[in-house]
Amino acid sequence: MKHTDDELADLFFSAARISQYTSSGSKGSSFSHMGQCRCLFYLEEHGSVKQKEMAEEMGIRPASLSELISKLEQRGFVKKEHSAKDRRSVLVSLTRSGMMTAKHCRAGQSRFHSLIFEPLSEEEKETLYGLLFKIRQYHERRKDNDK
């Protein structure tokens, strides 16, 4: 049976949303919002950064990032300080607790990723990887050509 592009797109985006409804209901999860983990991962990788640059690089509206950072700060995972070079700039960095939580999030993410692909054989995973890589590569080239 041949499937239409609309059917494929619907299935693709439906599968992509699995993480939204599965991770938010995970038992024992300390985060109800994956955006918080993304922030921790970003800070773990980049160290102390300007909040404005972080928003741009993560593709998050500054107001949304500010809300996420405030929640993480309340929980003791991040700290905000004014830049010594430019007092108008706010630098965000992980606390020791934030570093440990980022590691915990990564471990949970890894377990979750294993669950997502559990029904696939190794050969099917390789096929899926190849197809998704091909789609991404094609659209990245198109985006570069449009510049």
N, C-alpha and C. Protein backbone atom coordinates (compact mmCIF):
# COMPACT_ATOMS: atom_id res chain seq x y z
N MET A 1 0.84 -1.18 0.00
CA MET A 1 0.00 0.00 0.00
C MET A 1 0.88 1.24 0.00
N LYS A 2 0.61 2.13 -0.90
CA LYS A 2 1.38 3.37 -0.99
C LYS A 2 0.73 4.42 -0.09
N HIS A 3 1.56 5.11 0.69
CA HIS A 3 1.07 6.14 1.60
C HIS A 3 1.32 7.52 1.01
N THR A 4 0.39 8.43 1.29
CA THR A 4 0.54 9.80 0.80
C THR A 4 1.53 10.56 1.66
N ASP A 5 2.04 11.67 1.12
CA ASP A 5 2.94 12.53 1.88
C ASP A 5 2.25 13.04 3.14
N ASP A 6 0.96 13.33 3.05
CA ASP A 6 0.21 13.80 4.22
C ASP A 6 0.17 12.72 5.31
N GLU A 7 -0.04 11.46 4.91
CA GLU A 7 -0.07 10.37 5.88
C GLU A 7 1.30 10.20 6.54
N LEU A 8 2.35 10.27 5.72
CA LEU A 8 3.71 10.15 6.26
C LEU A 8 4.02 11.29 7.23
N ALA A 9 3.65 12.52 6.84
CA ALA A 9 3.91 13.68 7.70
C ALA A 9 3.14 13.55 9.01
N ASP A 10 1.89 13.13 8.92
CA ASP A 10 1.07 12.96 10.12
C ASP A 10 1.71 11.95 11.07
N LEU A 11 2.14 10.82 10.53
CA LEU A 11 2.78 9.79 11.35
C LEU A 11 4.11 10.29 11.92
N PHE A 12 4.89 10.98 11.11
CA PHE A 12 6.18 11.52 11.54
C PHE A 12 6.01 12.47 12.73
N PHE A 13 5.08 13.44 12.59
CA PHE A 13 4.88 14.41 13.66
C PHE A 13 4.21 13.79 14.87
N SER A 14 3.39 12.80 14.65
CA SER A 14 2.78 12.07 15.76
C SER A 14 3.86 11.34 16.56
N ALA A 15 4.78 10.70 15.87
CA ALA A 15 5.89 10.01 16.53
C ALA A 15 6.79 11.01 17.25
N ALA A 16 7.00 12.17 16.66
CA ALA A 16 7.85 13.19 17.28
C ALA A 16 7.25 13.70 18.58
N ARG A 17 5.93 13.67 18.70
CA ARG A 17 5.26 14.15 19.91
C ARG A 17 5.28 13.11 21.04
N ILE A 18 5.77 11.93 20.78
CA ILE A 18 5.81 10.89 21.81
C ILE A 18 6.49 11.42 23.06
N SER A 19 7.58 12.14 22.90
CA SER A 19 8.32 12.62 24.06
C SER A 19 7.50 13.58 24.90
N GLN A 20 6.60 14.32 24.28
CA GLN A 20 5.80 15.29 25.03
C GLN A 20 4.84 14.60 26.00
N TYR A 21 4.15 13.59 25.52
CA TYR A 21 3.16 12.99 26.41
C TYR A 21 3.72 11.85 27.24
N THR A 22 4.85 11.29 26.85
CA THR A 22 5.42 10.21 27.64
C THR A 22 6.29 10.74 28.77
N SER A 23 7.17 11.71 28.47
CA SER A 23 8.09 12.19 29.50
C SER A 23 7.38 13.00 30.57
N SER A 24 6.32 13.72 30.21
CA SER A 24 5.65 14.55 31.21
C SER A 24 4.90 13.70 32.23
N GLY A 25 4.60 12.48 31.86
CA GLY A 25 3.88 11.64 32.81
C GLY A 25 4.77 10.60 33.46
N SER A 26 6.09 10.72 33.30
CA SER A 26 7.00 9.74 33.87
C SER A 26 6.94 9.74 35.38
N LYS A 27 6.85 8.56 35.95
CA LYS A 27 6.84 8.45 37.41
C LYS A 27 8.23 8.78 37.94
N GLY A 28 8.26 9.54 39.01
CA GLY A 28 9.52 9.87 39.64
C GLY A 28 10.30 10.96 38.94
N SER A 29 9.76 11.54 37.90
CA SER A 29 10.46 12.59 37.19
C SER A 29 10.40 13.88 38.00
N SER A 30 11.54 14.54 38.14
CA SER A 30 11.57 15.79 38.89
C SER A 30 11.25 16.97 38.00
N PHE A 31 11.07 16.73 36.72
CA PHE A 31 10.77 17.81 35.78
C PHE A 31 9.51 17.50 35.01
N SER A 32 8.61 18.47 34.98
CA SER A 32 7.41 18.30 34.18
C SER A 32 7.60 18.98 32.84
N HIS A 33 8.73 19.63 32.65
CA HIS A 33 8.94 20.40 31.43
C HIS A 33 10.34 20.11 30.89
N MET A 34 10.40 19.54 29.69
CA MET A 34 11.69 19.21 29.09
C MET A 34 12.53 20.46 28.84
N GLY A 35 11.90 21.63 28.74
CA GLY A 35 12.65 22.86 28.55
C GLY A 35 13.62 23.10 29.69
N GLN A 36 13.25 22.68 30.89
CA GLN A 36 14.15 22.85 32.03
C GLN A 36 15.40 22.00 31.85
N CYS A 37 15.21 20.77 31.41
CA CYS A 37 16.38 19.91 31.15
C CYS A 37 17.23 20.49 30.02
N ARG A 38 16.58 20.99 28.98
CA ARG A 38 17.34 21.60 27.87
C ARG A 38 18.21 22.74 28.37
N CYS A 39 17.67 23.56 29.27
CA CYS A 39 18.45 24.67 29.85
C CYS A 39 19.65 24.14 30.62
N LEU A 40 19.41 23.11 31.43
CA LEU A 40 20.51 22.52 32.20
C LEU A 40 21.57 21.95 31.28
N PHE A 41 21.14 21.26 30.22
CA PHE A 41 22.09 20.68 29.27
C PHE A 41 22.92 21.78 28.60
N TYR A 42 22.24 22.85 28.21
CA TYR A 42 22.92 23.96 27.54
C TYR A 42 23.98 24.56 28.46
N LEU A 43 23.60 24.82 29.71
CA LEU A 43 24.55 25.42 30.66
C LEU A 43 25.68 24.46 31.00
N GLU A 44 25.37 23.18 31.05
CA GLU A 44 26.40 22.17 31.31
C GLU A 44 27.46 22.21 30.21
N GLU A 45 27.01 22.39 28.99
CA GLU A 45 27.92 22.41 27.84
C GLU A 45 28.66 23.75 27.68
N HIS A 46 27.98 24.87 27.97
CA HIS A 46 28.55 26.19 27.67
C HIS A 46 29.07 26.95 28.88
N GLY A 47 28.80 26.49 30.08
CA GLY A 47 29.25 27.20 31.28
C GLY A 47 28.43 28.45 31.52
N SER A 48 29.06 29.47 32.05
CA SER A 48 28.38 30.73 32.37
C SER A 48 28.14 31.51 31.08
N VAL A 49 26.88 31.84 30.81
CA VAL A 49 26.52 32.51 29.55
C VAL A 49 25.55 33.66 29.80
N LYS A 50 25.54 34.59 28.84
CA LYS A 50 24.56 35.67 28.89
C LYS A 50 23.19 35.08 28.57
N GLN A 51 22.21 35.51 29.34
CA GLN A 51 20.86 34.99 29.17
C GLN A 51 20.34 35.29 27.76
N LYS A 52 20.65 36.47 27.25
CA LYS A 52 20.19 36.86 25.91
C LYS A 52 20.77 35.94 24.84
N GLU A 53 22.07 35.64 24.92
CA GLU A 53 22.71 34.75 23.95
C GLU A 53 22.15 33.33 24.05
N MET A 54 21.89 32.92 25.28
CA MET A 54 21.33 31.59 25.51
C MET A 54 19.98 31.46 24.82
N ALA A 55 19.14 32.47 24.95
CA ALA A 55 17.82 32.46 24.32
C ALA A 55 17.97 32.36 22.80
N GLU A 56 18.87 33.14 22.24
CA GLU A 56 19.07 33.13 20.78
C GLU A 56 19.55 31.77 20.29
N GLU A 57 20.56 31.23 20.97
CA GLU A 57 21.15 29.96 20.53
C GLU A 57 20.20 28.77 20.72
N MET A 58 19.36 28.85 21.75
CA MET A 58 18.42 27.75 22.00
C MET A 58 17.13 27.91 21.21
N GLY A 59 16.95 29.08 20.57
CA GLY A 59 15.73 29.31 19.80
C GLY A 59 14.50 29.46 20.69
N ILE A 60 14.69 30.09 21.84
CA ILE A 60 13.61 30.30 22.81
C ILE A 60 13.38 31.80 22.94
N ARG A 61 12.13 32.20 23.05
CA ARG A 61 11.84 33.62 23.29
C ARG A 61 12.47 34.02 24.62
N PRO A 62 13.07 35.21 24.68
CA PRO A 62 13.70 35.66 25.93
C PRO A 62 12.77 35.60 27.15
N ALA A 63 11.51 35.96 26.98
CA ALA A 63 10.57 35.91 28.10
C ALA A 63 10.35 34.47 28.58
N SER A 64 10.26 33.53 27.65
CA SER A 64 10.08 32.12 28.02
C SER A 64 11.31 31.59 28.74
N LEU A 65 12.50 31.96 28.23
CA LEU A 65 13.72 31.51 28.88
C LEU A 65 13.82 32.11 30.29
N SER A 66 13.46 33.36 30.41
CA SER A 66 13.51 34.02 31.71
C SER A 66 12.64 33.28 32.73
N GLU A 67 11.48 32.84 32.29
CA GLU A 67 10.58 32.08 33.17
C GLU A 67 11.21 30.73 33.56
N LEU A 68 11.81 30.04 32.57
CA LEU A 68 12.47 28.77 32.86
C LEU A 68 13.62 28.96 33.84
N ILE A 69 14.43 29.99 33.59
CA ILE A 69 15.59 30.26 34.45
C ILE A 69 15.13 30.58 35.87
N SER A 70 14.06 31.36 36.01
CA SER A 70 13.54 31.69 37.35
C SER A 70 13.12 30.43 38.11
N LYS A 71 12.46 29.50 37.40
CA LYS A 71 12.04 28.24 38.05
C LYS A 71 13.26 27.43 38.48
N LEU A 72 14.27 27.39 37.61
CA LEU A 72 15.49 26.64 37.94
C LEU A 72 16.25 27.32 39.08
N GLU A 73 16.22 28.63 39.11
CA GLU A 73 16.88 29.37 40.18
C GLU A 73 16.18 29.12 41.52
N GLN A 74 14.85 29.10 41.51
CA GLN A 74 14.09 28.83 42.73
C GLN A 74 14.41 27.45 43.30
N ARG A 75 14.70 26.53 42.42
CA ARG A 75 15.02 25.16 42.84
C ARG A 75 16.49 24.99 43.19
N GLY A 76 17.27 26.06 43.00
CA GLY A 76 18.68 26.02 43.36
C GLY A 76 19.57 25.38 42.31
N PHE A 77 19.10 25.26 41.08
CA PHE A 77 19.87 24.61 40.02
C PHE A 77 20.73 25.57 39.22
N VAL A 78 20.35 26.84 39.18
CA VAL A 78 21.13 27.84 38.46
C VAL A 78 21.27 29.09 39.33
N LYS A 79 22.26 29.89 38.98
CA LYS A 79 22.41 31.19 39.63
C LYS A 79 22.57 32.24 38.54
N LYS A 80 22.09 33.43 38.84
CA LYS A 80 22.20 34.56 37.92
C LYS A 80 23.08 35.61 38.58
N GLU A 81 23.95 36.21 37.77
CA GLU A 81 24.82 37.27 38.26
C GLU A 81 24.97 38.30 37.15
N HIS A 82 25.20 39.53 37.54
CA HIS A 82 25.48 40.56 36.55
C HIS A 82 26.92 40.41 36.07
N SER A 83 27.13 40.61 34.79
CA SER A 83 28.46 40.52 34.21
C SER A 83 29.35 41.62 34.77
N ALA A 84 30.59 41.28 35.09
CA ALA A 84 31.53 42.28 35.59
C ALA A 84 31.89 43.27 34.47
N LYS A 85 31.86 42.80 33.23
CA LYS A 85 32.20 43.64 32.07
C LYS A 85 31.07 44.59 31.71
N ASP A 86 29.83 44.10 31.81
CA ASP A 86 28.67 44.89 31.43
C ASP A 86 27.55 44.60 32.42
N ARG A 87 27.34 45.49 33.36
CA ARG A 87 26.38 45.28 34.43
C ARG A 87 24.94 45.08 33.92
N ARG A 88 24.68 45.47 32.67
CA ARG A 88 23.34 45.27 32.10
C ARG A 88 23.11 43.82 31.70
N SER A 89 24.18 43.09 31.46
CA SER A 89 24.07 41.69 31.05
C SER A 89 23.96 40.78 32.26
N VAL A 90 23.07 39.79 32.14
CA VAL A 90 22.89 38.81 33.20
C VAL A 90 23.53 37.50 32.74
N LEU A 91 24.43 36.98 33.56
CA LEU A 91 25.07 35.70 33.27
C LEU A 91 24.35 34.61 34.06
N VAL A 92 24.15 33.49 33.43
CA VAL A 92 23.49 32.35 34.06
C VAL A 92 24.48 31.19 34.09
N SER A 93 24.53 30.48 35.19
CA SER A 93 25.41 29.31 35.28
C SER A 93 24.78 28.27 36.21
N LEU A 94 25.27 27.05 36.11
CA LEU A 94 24.77 25.96 36.95
C LEU A 94 25.38 26.02 38.34
N THR A 95 24.60 25.65 39.32
CA THR A 95 25.12 25.43 40.67
C THR A 95 25.60 23.98 40.72
N ARG A 96 26.20 23.60 41.84
CA ARG A 96 26.63 22.20 42.00
C ARG A 96 25.41 21.28 41.91
N SER A 97 24.31 21.70 42.52
CA SER A 97 23.07 20.92 42.46
C SER A 97 22.56 20.84 41.01
N GLY A 98 22.69 21.93 40.28
CA GLY A 98 22.29 21.95 38.87
C GLY A 98 23.11 20.99 38.02
N MET A 99 24.41 20.89 38.32
CA MET A 99 25.28 19.96 37.58
C MET A 99 24.84 18.52 37.82
N MET A 100 24.54 18.21 39.08
CA MET A 100 24.09 16.85 39.41
C MET A 100 22.74 16.56 38.76
N THR A 101 21.86 17.55 38.75
CA THR A 101 20.54 17.37 38.16
C THR A 101 20.64 17.20 36.65
N ALA A 102 21.56 17.93 36.01
CA ALA A 102 21.76 17.77 34.57
C ALA A 102 22.19 16.33 34.26
N LYS A 103 23.08 15.79 35.06
CA LYS A 103 23.51 14.40 34.87
C LYS A 103 22.33 13.44 35.04
N HIS A 104 21.51 13.70 36.05
CA HIS A 104 20.32 12.89 36.30
C HIS A 104 19.36 12.97 35.10
N CYS A 105 19.17 14.18 34.58
CA CYS A 105 18.29 14.37 33.41
C CYS A 105 18.83 13.59 32.20
N ARG A 106 20.16 13.65 32.00
CA ARG A 106 20.75 12.93 30.86
C ARG A 106 20.52 11.43 30.98
N ALA A 107 20.68 10.91 32.18
CA ALA A 107 20.46 9.47 32.39
C ALA A 107 19.00 9.12 32.11
N GLY A 108 18.08 9.95 32.60
CA GLY A 108 16.66 9.71 32.34
C GLY A 108 16.33 9.82 30.86
N GLN A 109 16.95 10.78 30.20
CA GLN A 109 16.73 10.97 28.77
C GLN A 109 17.22 9.74 28.00
N SER A 110 18.36 9.23 28.39
CA SER A 110 18.92 8.05 27.72
C SER A 110 17.99 6.84 27.88
N ARG A 111 17.47 6.65 29.11
CA ARG A 111 16.52 5.54 29.33
C ARG A 111 15.27 5.73 28.49
N PHE A 112 14.80 6.97 28.44
CA PHE A 112 13.60 7.27 27.65
C PHE A 112 13.83 7.00 26.17
N HIS A 113 14.99 7.40 25.66
CA HIS A 113 15.31 7.15 24.25
C HIS A 113 15.34 5.66 23.95
N SER A 114 15.86 4.88 24.88
CA SER A 114 15.88 3.43 24.69
C SER A 114 14.45 2.87 24.61
N LEU A 115 13.55 3.42 25.44
CA LEU A 115 12.16 2.98 25.41
C LEU A 115 11.48 3.33 24.08
N ILE A 116 11.78 4.50 23.56
CA ILE A 116 11.16 4.93 22.30
C ILE A 116 11.46 3.93 21.19
N PHE A 117 12.72 3.51 21.12
CA PHE A 117 13.14 2.67 19.99
C PHE A 117 13.16 1.18 20.33
N GLU A 118 12.63 0.83 21.48
CA GLU A 118 12.60 -0.56 21.92
C GLU A 118 11.94 -1.51 20.91
N PRO A 119 10.85 -1.10 20.24
CA PRO A 119 10.22 -2.06 19.32
C PRO A 119 11.00 -2.29 18.02
N LEU A 120 12.07 -1.55 17.79
CA LEU A 120 12.81 -1.68 16.54
C LEU A 120 14.03 -2.59 16.70
N SER A 121 14.29 -3.36 15.66
CA SER A 121 15.51 -4.17 15.63
C SER A 121 16.68 -3.23 15.32
N GLU A 122 17.89 -3.72 15.49
CA GLU A 122 19.08 -2.90 15.17
C GLU A 122 19.08 -2.50 13.69
N GLU A 123 18.66 -3.42 12.83
CA GLU A 123 18.60 -3.13 11.40
C GLU A 123 17.56 -2.04 11.11
N GLU A 124 16.41 -2.11 11.77
CA GLU A 124 15.37 -1.09 11.59
C GLU A 124 15.84 0.28 12.10
N LYS A 125 16.58 0.27 13.21
CA LYS A 125 17.13 1.52 13.73
C LYS A 125 18.09 2.15 12.72
N GLU A 126 18.92 1.34 12.11
CA GLU A 126 19.87 1.84 11.11
C GLU A 126 19.12 2.40 9.90
N THR A 127 18.08 1.72 9.47
CA THR A 127 17.28 2.19 8.34
C THR A 127 16.61 3.52 8.69
N LEU A 128 16.00 3.60 9.87
CA LEU A 128 15.36 4.83 10.30
C LEU A 128 16.36 5.97 10.39
N TYR A 129 17.52 5.69 10.95
CA TYR A 129 18.57 6.72 11.05
C TYR A 129 18.94 7.23 9.66
N GLY A 130 19.14 6.33 8.74
CA GLY A 130 19.52 6.72 7.37
C GLY A 130 18.46 7.59 6.71
N LEU A 131 17.21 7.22 6.88
CA LEU A 131 16.12 7.99 6.28
C LEU A 131 15.99 9.38 6.90
N LEU A 132 16.03 9.44 8.23
CA LEU A 132 15.92 10.73 8.91
C LEU A 132 17.12 11.63 8.59
N PHE A 133 18.30 11.02 8.53
CA PHE A 133 19.50 11.78 8.18
C PHE A 133 19.38 12.36 6.78
N LYS A 134 18.87 11.56 5.86
CA LYS A 134 18.70 12.02 4.48
C LYS A 134 17.72 13.19 4.41
N ILE A 135 16.63 13.11 5.14
CA ILE A 135 15.64 14.20 5.17
C ILE A 135 16.27 15.47 5.74
N ARG A 136 16.95 15.32 6.88
CA ARG A 136 17.57 16.49 7.51
C ARG A 136 18.63 17.12 6.61
N GLN A 137 19.47 16.30 6.02
CA GLN A 137 20.54 16.80 5.14
C GLN A 137 19.96 17.56 3.95
N TYR A 138 18.92 17.03 3.35
CA TYR A 138 18.27 17.67 2.20
C TYR A 138 17.75 19.06 2.58
N HIS A 139 17.06 19.15 3.71
CA HIS A 139 16.47 20.42 4.11
C HIS A 139 17.51 21.42 4.61
N GLU A 140 18.60 20.94 5.18
CA GLU A 140 19.69 21.84 5.56
C GLU A 140 20.33 22.45 4.32
N ARG A 141 20.51 21.64 3.30
CA ARG A 141 21.08 22.16 2.03
C ARG A 141 20.15 23.18 1.40
N ARG A 142 18.86 22.88 1.41
CA ARG A 142 17.87 23.84 0.86
C ARG A 142 17.92 25.15 1.62
N LYS A 143 18.00 25.06 2.94
CA LYS A 143 18.07 26.27 3.77
C LYS A 143 19.33 27.06 3.46
N ASP A 144 20.45 26.37 3.30
CA ASP A 144 21.71 27.06 2.97
C ASP A 144 21.64 27.73 1.59
N ASN A 145 20.99 27.06 0.65
CA ASN A 145 20.86 27.61 -0.70
C ASN A 145 19.93 28.82 -0.75
N ASP A 146 18.99 28.90 0.20
CA ASP A 146 18.04 30.01 0.24
C ASP A 146 18.68 31.27 0.80
N LYS A 147 19.84 31.14 1.43
CA LYS A 147 20.49 32.31 2.05
C LYS A 147 21.13 33.21 1.02
